[in-house]
């Protein structure tokens, strides 16, 4: 008549693996660290800030390239 006694676990002591959605988030953060310049050397909040700055920089480069393309096309038709 032995009962298997279960010890009540404290928060944070759960032996289960990380939930799938959290693992997916960690995987995406890892990918982001590889893409963003100097992303491997900073915290997650700093990584997000650098990502925003980098995206704004890339957006400005794209806008500048579009302007150059438009001026080049207008010079051809003149």
Protein backbone atom coordinates (compact mmCIF):
# COMPACT_ATOMS: atom_id res chain seq x y z
CA UNK A 1 0.00 0.00 0.00
CA UNK A 2 2.63 2.52 -0.84
CA UNK A 3 1.48 5.76 -2.33
CA UNK A 4 3.75 7.76 -4.52
CA UNK A 5 3.93 11.10 -2.82
CA UNK A 6 4.22 14.08 -5.04
CA UNK A 7 6.16 17.04 -3.85
CA UNK A 8 4.51 20.32 -4.64
CA UNK A 9 6.85 22.33 -6.85
CA UNK A 10 7.62 25.97 -6.28
CA UNK A 11 7.30 28.45 -9.14
CA UNK A 12 10.32 28.14 -11.40
CA UNK A 13 11.04 24.53 -10.42
CA UNK A 14 8.95 23.00 -13.16
CA UNK A 15 10.89 20.11 -14.72
CA UNK A 16 9.01 20.42 -18.02
CA UNK A 17 10.76 21.81 -21.04
CA UNK A 18 10.26 25.38 -22.15
CA UNK A 19 6.88 25.97 -23.80
CA UNK A 20 6.99 25.88 -27.57
CA UNK A 21 6.03 29.53 -28.09
CA UNK A 22 8.81 30.69 -25.76
CA UNK A 23 11.31 28.50 -27.59
CA UNK A 24 10.17 30.02 -30.89
CA UNK A 25 10.70 33.51 -29.45
CA UNK A 26 14.21 32.57 -28.31
CA UNK A 27 14.97 31.17 -31.76
CA UNK A 28 13.82 34.40 -33.42
CA UNK A 29 15.89 36.51 -31.04
CA UNK A 30 18.91 34.39 -31.90
CA UNK A 31 18.30 34.98 -35.62
CA UNK A 32 17.89 38.70 -34.99
CA UNK A 33 21.20 38.82 -33.13
CA UNK A 34 22.90 37.37 -36.21
CA UNK A 35 21.31 39.91 -38.58
CA UNK A 36 21.62 43.17 -36.64
CA UNK A 37 25.13 44.67 -36.50
CA UNK A 38 26.67 44.17 -33.03
CA UNK A 39 23.48 42.41 -31.93
CA UNK A 40 25.30 39.59 -30.21
CA UNK A 41 26.85 41.94 -27.69
CA UNK A 42 23.72 43.45 -26.11
CA UNK A 43 20.64 42.73 -24.03
CA UNK A 44 17.26 42.01 -25.60
CA UNK A 45 15.93 45.54 -25.09
CA UNK A 46 19.10 47.02 -26.57
CA UNK A 47 18.80 44.51 -29.42
CA UNK A 48 15.29 45.78 -30.19
CA UNK A 49 16.53 49.39 -30.14
CA UNK A 50 19.39 48.55 -32.49
CA UNK A 51 16.97 46.67 -34.74
CA UNK A 52 14.71 49.71 -35.00
CA UNK A 53 17.64 52.01 -35.74
CA UNK A 54 18.99 49.59 -38.33
CA UNK A 55 15.59 49.26 -40.03
CA UNK A 56 15.23 53.06 -40.16
CA UNK A 57 18.71 53.28 -41.67
CA UNK A 58 17.85 50.68 -44.30
CA UNK A 59 14.60 52.53 -45.03
CA UNK A 60 16.52 55.78 -45.60
CA UNK A 61 18.97 53.99 -47.89
CA UNK A 62 16.06 52.60 -49.91
CA UNK A 63 14.44 56.04 -50.18
CA UNK A 64 17.73 57.56 -51.29
CA UNK A 65 18.21 54.83 -53.89
CA UNK A 66 14.67 55.45 -55.20
CA UNK A 67 15.40 59.17 -55.53
CA UNK A 68 18.60 58.45 -57.42
CA UNK A 69 16.74 56.05 -59.68
CA UNK A 70 14.03 58.64 -60.42
CA UNK A 71 16.56 61.36 -61.23
CA UNK A 72 18.45 58.95 -63.46
CA UNK A 73 15.27 58.04 -65.34
CA UNK A 74 14.25 61.68 -65.75
CA UNK A 75 17.73 62.51 -67.12
CA UNK A 76 17.31 59.76 -69.72
CA UNK A 77 13.98 61.13 -70.93
CA UNK A 78 15.15 64.75 -71.09
